[in-house]
N, C-alpha and C. Protein backbone atom coordinates (compact mmCIF):
# COMPACT_ATOMS: atom_id res chain seq x y z
N MET A 1 70.47 114.91 91.61
CA MET A 1 71.50 114.44 91.90
C MET A 1 71.61 114.00 93.44
N ASN A 2 72.44 112.45 93.47
CA ASN A 2 72.43 111.67 94.53
C ASN A 2 73.79 112.31 95.49
N LYS A 3 73.42 113.51 96.66
CA LYS A 3 73.93 114.07 96.90
C LYS A 3 75.33 113.14 98.06
N GLN A 4 74.44 111.64 98.84
CA GLN A 4 75.90 110.98 99.02
C GLN A 4 76.31 110.67 98.63
N ALA A 5 76.40 110.03 97.45
CA ALA A 5 76.93 109.57 96.10
C ALA A 5 78.63 110.17 95.17
N ASP A 6 78.13 111.55 95.80
CA ASP A 6 79.21 112.46 95.10
C ASP A 6 80.11 113.33 96.73
N LYS A 7 79.35 112.42 98.04
CA LYS A 7 80.27 113.26 98.76
C LYS A 7 81.81 112.75 98.43
N GLN A 8 82.93 113.03 99.11
CA GLN A 8 83.80 113.14 99.15
C GLN A 8 84.39 112.34 100.73
N LEU A 9 85.41 110.82 100.65
CA LEU A 9 85.32 110.17 101.08
C LEU A 9 86.76 110.07 101.18
N LEU A 10 87.42 110.74 101.74
CA LEU A 10 88.92 111.25 101.90
C LEU A 10 89.57 110.12 102.25
N HIS A 11 89.95 109.12 101.82
CA HIS A 11 91.17 108.56 102.43
C HIS A 11 92.74 108.61 102.70
N LEU A 12 93.51 108.77 103.29
CA LEU A 12 95.10 109.31 103.79
C LEU A 12 96.04 107.26 103.31
N VAL A 13 97.14 106.99 103.00
CA VAL A 13 98.01 106.39 102.79
C VAL A 13 99.49 106.22 103.34
N ILE A 14 99.65 105.93 104.57
CA ILE A 14 100.43 106.39 104.82
C ILE A 14 101.34 104.83 105.73
N GLY A 15 102.25 104.84 105.55
CA GLY A 15 103.10 103.18 105.81
C GLY A 15 104.83 103.75 107.02
N GLY A 16 105.22 102.93 106.43
CA GLY A 16 106.90 102.94 107.38
C GLY A 16 107.00 101.77 108.41
N GLU A 17 108.18 102.12 108.62
CA GLU A 17 108.05 100.77 109.29
C GLU A 17 108.14 100.44 111.03
N LEU A 18 107.78 99.67 110.99
CA LEU A 18 107.21 100.17 112.65
C LEU A 18 108.31 99.24 113.75
N SER A 19 107.91 99.51 115.16
CA SER A 19 108.89 99.16 115.79
C SER A 19 108.25 97.82 116.40
N GLU A 20 107.70 97.19 116.72
CA GLU A 20 107.14 95.86 116.78
C GLU A 20 105.91 95.26 115.83
N LEU A 21 106.32 94.27 115.84
CA LEU A 21 106.06 93.68 114.18
C LEU A 21 104.12 93.01 114.84
N ASP A 22 103.99 93.34 116.03
CA ASP A 22 102.69 92.74 116.74
C ASP A 22 102.36 94.37 116.70
N GLY A 23 102.53 95.98 116.61
CA GLY A 23 101.84 97.35 117.51
C GLY A 23 102.01 98.11 115.44
N VAL A 24 101.31 98.74 116.04
CA VAL A 24 101.34 99.54 114.83
C VAL A 24 102.18 101.28 114.73
N GLU A 25 102.92 101.38 116.13
CA GLU A 25 104.05 102.81 117.00
C GLU A 25 104.98 102.73 115.17
N PHE A 26 105.03 103.48 114.67
CA PHE A 26 106.24 103.20 113.82
C PHE A 26 107.62 104.05 114.64
N SER A 27 108.84 103.22 113.52
CA SER A 27 110.22 103.34 114.71
C SER A 27 110.64 105.06 114.83
N ASP A 28 110.89 105.19 113.33
CA ASP A 28 111.16 106.66 113.20
C ASP A 28 110.04 107.51 111.97
N LEU A 29 109.16 108.63 112.69
CA LEU A 29 108.45 109.49 112.96
C LEU A 29 108.79 110.49 111.43
N ASP A 30 110.14 110.20 111.47
CA ASP A 30 110.88 111.07 110.25
C ASP A 30 110.83 109.76 109.30
N ALA A 31 110.82 109.27 109.42
CA ALA A 31 111.22 107.90 108.01
C ALA A 31 110.05 108.35 107.49
N VAL A 32 108.53 107.94 107.63
CA VAL A 32 107.12 107.60 107.66
C VAL A 32 106.91 107.74 106.28
N ASP A 33 106.43 107.12 105.34
CA ASP A 33 105.93 107.64 104.29
C ASP A 33 104.17 107.66 103.84
N ILE A 34 104.19 109.20 104.24
CA ILE A 34 102.84 109.78 103.28
C ILE A 34 102.65 109.51 102.30
N VAL A 35 101.63 109.08 101.70
CA VAL A 35 101.94 108.25 100.03
C VAL A 35 101.13 109.33 99.65
N GLY A 36 99.65 109.50 100.28
CA GLY A 36 98.97 110.35 99.58
C GLY A 36 97.26 110.43 100.45
N VAL A 37 96.68 111.42 100.36
CA VAL A 37 94.80 111.33 99.76
C VAL A 37 94.00 110.78 98.94
N TYR A 38 93.82 109.97 99.11
CA TYR A 38 92.45 109.69 97.75
C TYR A 38 91.38 110.49 98.37
N PRO A 39 90.55 110.02 96.98
CA PRO A 39 89.22 110.49 97.11
C PRO A 39 88.12 109.68 98.17
N ASN A 40 88.37 108.39 97.79
CA ASN A 40 87.80 106.73 97.90
C ASN A 40 88.38 105.84 98.45
N TYR A 41 87.74 104.62 99.28
CA TYR A 41 88.62 103.70 99.88
C TYR A 41 89.41 102.88 98.85
N ALA A 42 88.26 102.58 97.69
CA ALA A 42 88.67 102.05 96.56
C ALA A 42 90.22 102.86 95.56
N SER A 43 89.98 103.87 95.56
CA SER A 43 91.42 104.47 94.75
C SER A 43 92.71 104.50 96.09
N ALA A 44 92.18 104.31 97.39
CA ALA A 44 93.18 103.88 98.01
C ALA A 44 93.71 103.21 98.28
N TYR A 45 93.10 102.56 98.23
CA TYR A 45 92.76 100.79 98.67
C TYR A 45 93.58 100.33 97.38
N ASP A 46 93.97 100.89 96.33
CA ASP A 46 95.07 100.26 94.85
C ASP A 46 96.45 100.78 95.51
N VAL A 47 97.07 101.93 95.54
CA VAL A 47 98.00 102.52 95.78
C VAL A 47 98.42 102.19 97.59
N TRP A 48 97.52 101.38 98.45
CA TRP A 48 97.73 100.38 99.75
C TRP A 48 98.19 99.35 99.16
N LYS A 49 97.66 98.71 98.46
CA LYS A 49 98.02 97.02 97.85
C LYS A 49 99.37 96.90 97.13
N ASP A 50 100.00 98.32 95.82
CA ASP A 50 100.63 98.76 95.31
C ASP A 50 101.75 98.66 96.25
N LYS A 51 101.67 99.87 97.85
CA LYS A 51 103.04 100.01 98.42
C LYS A 51 103.39 99.04 98.82
N ALA A 52 102.41 98.10 99.53
CA ALA A 52 102.43 96.84 100.63
C ALA A 52 103.09 96.13 100.11
N GLN A 53 103.11 95.53 98.66
CA GLN A 53 102.96 94.78 97.55
C GLN A 53 104.98 94.90 97.78
N ARG A 54 105.30 96.26 97.06
CA ARG A 54 106.78 96.69 96.71
C ARG A 54 107.75 96.56 98.34
N SER A 55 106.40 96.67 99.46
CA SER A 55 108.26 96.40 100.79
C SER A 55 107.70 94.91 101.45
N VAL A 56 107.34 93.87 100.79
CA VAL A 56 106.67 92.27 100.91
C VAL A 56 107.92 92.00 101.90
N ASP A 57 109.09 92.31 100.95
CA ASP A 57 110.57 91.68 101.48
C ASP A 57 111.80 92.60 102.82
N ASN A 58 110.49 93.46 103.88
CA ASN A 58 110.73 94.24 104.93
C ASN A 58 109.48 93.92 106.34
N ALA A 59 109.74 92.94 106.92
CA ALA A 59 108.96 92.13 107.69
C ALA A 59 108.19 93.59 109.05
N ASN A 60 109.26 94.56 109.41
CA ASN A 60 108.71 95.35 109.95
C ASN A 60 107.85 96.44 108.87
N MET A 61 107.78 96.68 107.86
CA MET A 61 107.61 97.73 106.63
C MET A 61 105.62 97.55 106.77
N ARG A 62 104.49 98.04 108.09
CA ARG A 62 103.25 98.45 106.94
C ARG A 62 102.89 99.35 106.56
N TYR A 63 101.93 99.70 105.81
CA TYR A 63 101.39 100.47 105.80
C TYR A 63 99.79 100.23 105.60
N PHE A 64 99.40 101.72 105.85
CA PHE A 64 98.12 101.74 106.47
C PHE A 64 97.08 103.00 105.39
N ILE A 65 95.64 102.67 105.15
CA ILE A 65 94.16 103.55 104.91
C ILE A 65 93.77 103.93 106.35
N VAL A 66 94.15 105.01 106.33
CA VAL A 66 93.56 106.24 107.19
C VAL A 66 92.00 105.93 106.99
N HIS A 67 90.88 106.55 107.32
CA HIS A 67 89.61 106.43 107.00
C HIS A 67 89.56 108.29 107.12
N MET A 68 90.21 109.29 106.60
CA MET A 68 90.26 110.83 107.07
C MET A 68 88.85 111.42 107.09
N HIS A 69 87.56 111.27 106.84
CA HIS A 69 86.47 112.04 106.70
C HIS A 69 85.98 111.24 107.46
N ARG A 70 86.04 110.34 108.01
CA ARG A 70 85.91 109.75 109.71
C ARG A 70 86.08 110.66 110.74
N LEU A 71 87.81 111.50 110.82
CA LEU A 71 88.36 112.00 112.13
C LEU A 71 87.26 113.27 111.53
N MET A 72 87.39 113.65 110.93
CA MET A 72 87.05 115.28 109.84
C MET A 72 85.96 115.08 110.38
N ASP A 73 84.72 114.31 110.28
CA ASP A 73 83.36 114.33 110.48
C ASP A 73 82.88 113.01 111.48
N PRO A 74 82.97 113.01 112.07
CA PRO A 74 83.14 111.68 113.30
C PRO A 74 81.20 111.42 113.11
N ASP A 75 80.58 112.35 113.57
CA ASP A 75 79.46 112.10 113.54
C ASP A 75 78.45 111.22 112.30
N GLU A 76 79.55 112.10 111.58
CA GLU A 76 78.73 111.66 109.51
C GLU A 76 78.41 109.94 109.75
N SER A 77 77.38 109.22 109.82
CA SER A 77 77.90 107.79 109.49
C SER A 77 77.07 107.56 108.08
N GLU A 78 77.90 106.84 107.71
CA GLU A 78 78.13 106.30 106.24
C GLU A 78 77.38 105.16 105.79
N SER A 79 76.62 104.88 104.61
CA SER A 79 75.48 103.97 104.14
C SER A 79 75.51 102.94 103.88
């Protein structure tokens, strides 16, 4: 059993309207869309892409993928 292949690499998809187009600060924290937590980057990316495409008409709306596994274990290096 490959321990690295079986390791959870959690990713959070989150989005909302930004205060400025060139920034990463949300204009209203109460309205932030916490989409969900996913077990790997590929599944998080699929959800992120769908949410981003659905909000294309709102120039201030942005979605992000947060690498939670890096926050939870910052000393662990990825292969």
